[in-house]
Amino acid sequence: MIKGEQEMANWGTPQSPGPVVSTVVNIQPETAVPDHIVWSLFNTLFFNYCCLGFVAFAYSVKSRDRKMVGDVIGAQSYASTAKSLNIAALVLGLLGTIGCIVLLVVVVLPIFRYSTMQAQQNRGGS
């Protein structure tokens, strides 16, 4: 064999019987921080009681910004605030909607029925 061929044949085998040194790289998995932006947008559009939905949306955007920068603790803090505001907006919005329906059924409809009965009696009596 030629010297160059002999060197190429030995490339695949280790030259010394010493220990093999390996490098371990620990990669931190990205922590999933929910920013509740879709929920906040929904509350902003439909249950924006006292602007709670809008404020929750602002905190959700701040949480997303913090997450993009890499500040996980700040993102979790803003996300927690957004979640609390979303819960408050949703509960108050649902209570307000249910209250309006009950008010409609209990107060407005009987008044409407009473006024139509009075109008019918006035037409029949005249």
Protein backbone atom coordinates (compact mmCIF):
# COMPACT_ATOMS: atom_id res chain seq x y z
CA MET A 1 0.00 0.00 0.00
CA ILE A 2 1.00 3.51 -0.61
CA LYS A 3 1.46 5.72 2.44
CA GLY A 4 -1.60 7.91 1.57
CA GLU A 5 -3.84 4.84 1.25
CA GLN A 6 -2.59 3.52 4.61
CA GLU A 7 -3.45 6.83 6.32
CA MET A 8 -6.93 6.83 4.81
CA ALA A 9 -7.53 3.25 5.97
CA ASN A 10 -6.76 4.26 9.56
CA TRP A 11 -9.13 7.25 9.67
CA GLY A 12 -12.07 5.25 11.01
CA THR A 13 -10.21 3.74 13.96
CA PRO A 14 -9.10 5.63 17.07
CA GLN A 15 -5.38 6.31 17.25
CA SER A 16 -5.03 5.92 21.03
CA PRO A 17 -6.82 3.54 23.38
CA GLY A 18 -7.57 6.42 25.82
CA PRO A 19 -11.04 7.27 27.14
CA VAL A 20 -13.51 8.92 24.81
CA VAL A 21 -14.48 12.38 25.98
CA SER A 22 -18.02 13.49 25.24
CA THR A 23 -19.68 16.84 25.65
CA VAL A 24 -23.18 17.08 27.09
CA VAL A 25 -25.25 20.13 26.27
CA ASN A 26 -28.29 20.67 28.47
CA ILE A 27 -30.99 22.54 26.60
CA GLN A 28 -33.75 23.92 28.75
CA PRO A 29 -37.17 23.13 27.29
CA GLU A 30 -39.16 26.24 26.56
CA THR A 31 -41.66 26.79 29.33
CA ALA A 32 -45.16 27.05 27.95
CA VAL A 33 -46.75 30.17 29.42
CA PRO A 34 -50.35 30.64 28.29
CA ASP A 35 -51.00 34.28 27.48
CA HIS A 36 -54.84 33.99 27.21
CA ILE A 37 -54.92 36.39 24.26
CA VAL A 38 -57.82 34.68 22.45
CA TRP A 39 -59.93 34.61 25.62
CA SER A 40 -59.10 38.28 26.23
CA LEU A 41 -60.08 39.20 22.68
CA PHE A 42 -63.39 37.35 23.09
CA ASN A 43 -64.09 39.17 26.36
CA THR A 44 -63.12 42.49 24.78
CA LEU A 45 -65.60 42.00 21.96
CA PHE A 46 -68.52 40.42 23.84
CA PHE A 47 -68.19 40.80 27.65
CA ASN A 48 -66.37 44.09 28.08
CA TYR A 49 -67.95 44.93 31.42
CA CYS A 50 -66.29 48.10 32.79
CA CYS A 51 -63.48 47.61 30.22
CA LEU A 52 -62.23 44.50 32.05
CA GLY A 53 -61.96 42.62 28.76
CA PHE A 54 -59.83 45.37 27.24
CA VAL A 55 -57.53 45.53 30.26
CA ALA A 56 -57.19 41.73 30.17
CA PHE A 57 -56.28 41.99 26.49
CA ALA A 58 -53.58 44.55 27.33
CA TYR A 59 -52.12 42.24 29.98
CA SER A 60 -52.23 39.33 27.53
CA VAL A 61 -50.23 41.32 25.00
CA LYS A 62 -47.73 42.27 27.72
CA SER A 63 -47.44 38.59 28.66
CA ARG A 64 -46.76 37.65 25.04
CA ASP A 65 -44.12 40.39 24.77
CA ARG A 66 -42.39 39.18 27.95
CA LYS A 67 -42.44 35.62 26.62
CA MET A 68 -40.82 36.71 23.35
CA VAL A 69 -38.05 38.51 25.24
CA GLY A 70 -37.43 35.42 27.39
CA ASP A 71 -38.68 36.77 30.70
CA VAL A 72 -40.68 33.75 31.84
CA ILE A 73 -41.44 35.08 35.33
CA GLY A 74 -42.73 38.39 33.97
CA ALA A 75 -44.80 36.55 31.35
CA GLN A 76 -46.34 34.33 34.04
CA SER A 77 -47.16 37.36 36.17
CA TYR A 78 -48.91 39.20 33.34
CA ALA A 79 -50.67 35.99 32.24
CA SER A 80 -51.98 35.42 35.77
CA THR A 81 -53.35 38.96 35.90
CA ALA A 82 -54.94 38.54 32.46
CA LYS A 83 -56.54 35.27 33.55
CA SER A 84 -58.03 36.87 36.67
CA LEU A 85 -59.40 39.81 34.68
CA ASN A 86 -60.82 37.44 32.05
CA ILE A 87 -62.62 35.44 34.74
CA ALA A 88 -64.05 38.61 36.26
CA ALA A 89 -65.13 39.97 32.87
CA LEU A 90 -66.73 36.67 31.87
CA VAL A 91 -68.63 36.23 35.14
CA LEU A 92 -69.86 39.83 35.23
CA GLY A 93 -70.76 39.71 31.54
CA LEU A 94 -72.75 36.50 31.95
CA LEU A 95 -74.50 37.82 35.06
CA GLY A 96 -75.37 41.02 33.19
CA THR A 97 -76.73 39.09 30.21
CA ILE A 98 -78.79 36.76 32.40
CA GLY A 99 -80.00 39.76 34.42
CA CYS A 100 -81.16 41.53 31.26
CA ILE A 101 -83.05 38.44 30.10
CA VAL A 102 -84.72 38.03 33.49
CA LEU A 103 -85.61 41.72 33.55
CA LEU A 104 -87.11 41.39 30.09
CA VAL A 105 -89.21 38.35 31.03
CA VAL A 106 -90.30 39.50 34.48
CA VAL A 107 -90.88 43.23 33.95
CA VAL A 108 -91.14 44.23 30.30
CA LEU A 109 -93.26 41.38 28.93
CA PRO A 110 -96.01 41.67 31.61
CA ILE A 111 -96.19 45.43 31.01
CA PHE A 112 -96.47 44.80 27.28
CA ARG A 113 -99.23 42.19 27.81
CA TYR A 114 -101.11 44.49 30.17
CA SER A 115 -100.97 47.39 27.70
CA THR A 116 -102.19 45.21 24.81
CA MET A 117 -105.09 43.91 26.95
CA GLN A 118 -106.02 47.49 27.89
CA ALA A 119 -105.95 48.51 24.23
CA GLN A 120 -108.20 45.59 23.28
CA GLN A 121 -110.66 46.43 26.07
CA ASN A 122 -110.75 50.08 25.06
CA ARG A 123 -111.49 49.13 21.44
CA GLY A 124 -114.22 46.69 22.47
CA GLY A 125 -115.81 49.06 24.97
CA SER A 126 -116.02 52.09 22.67
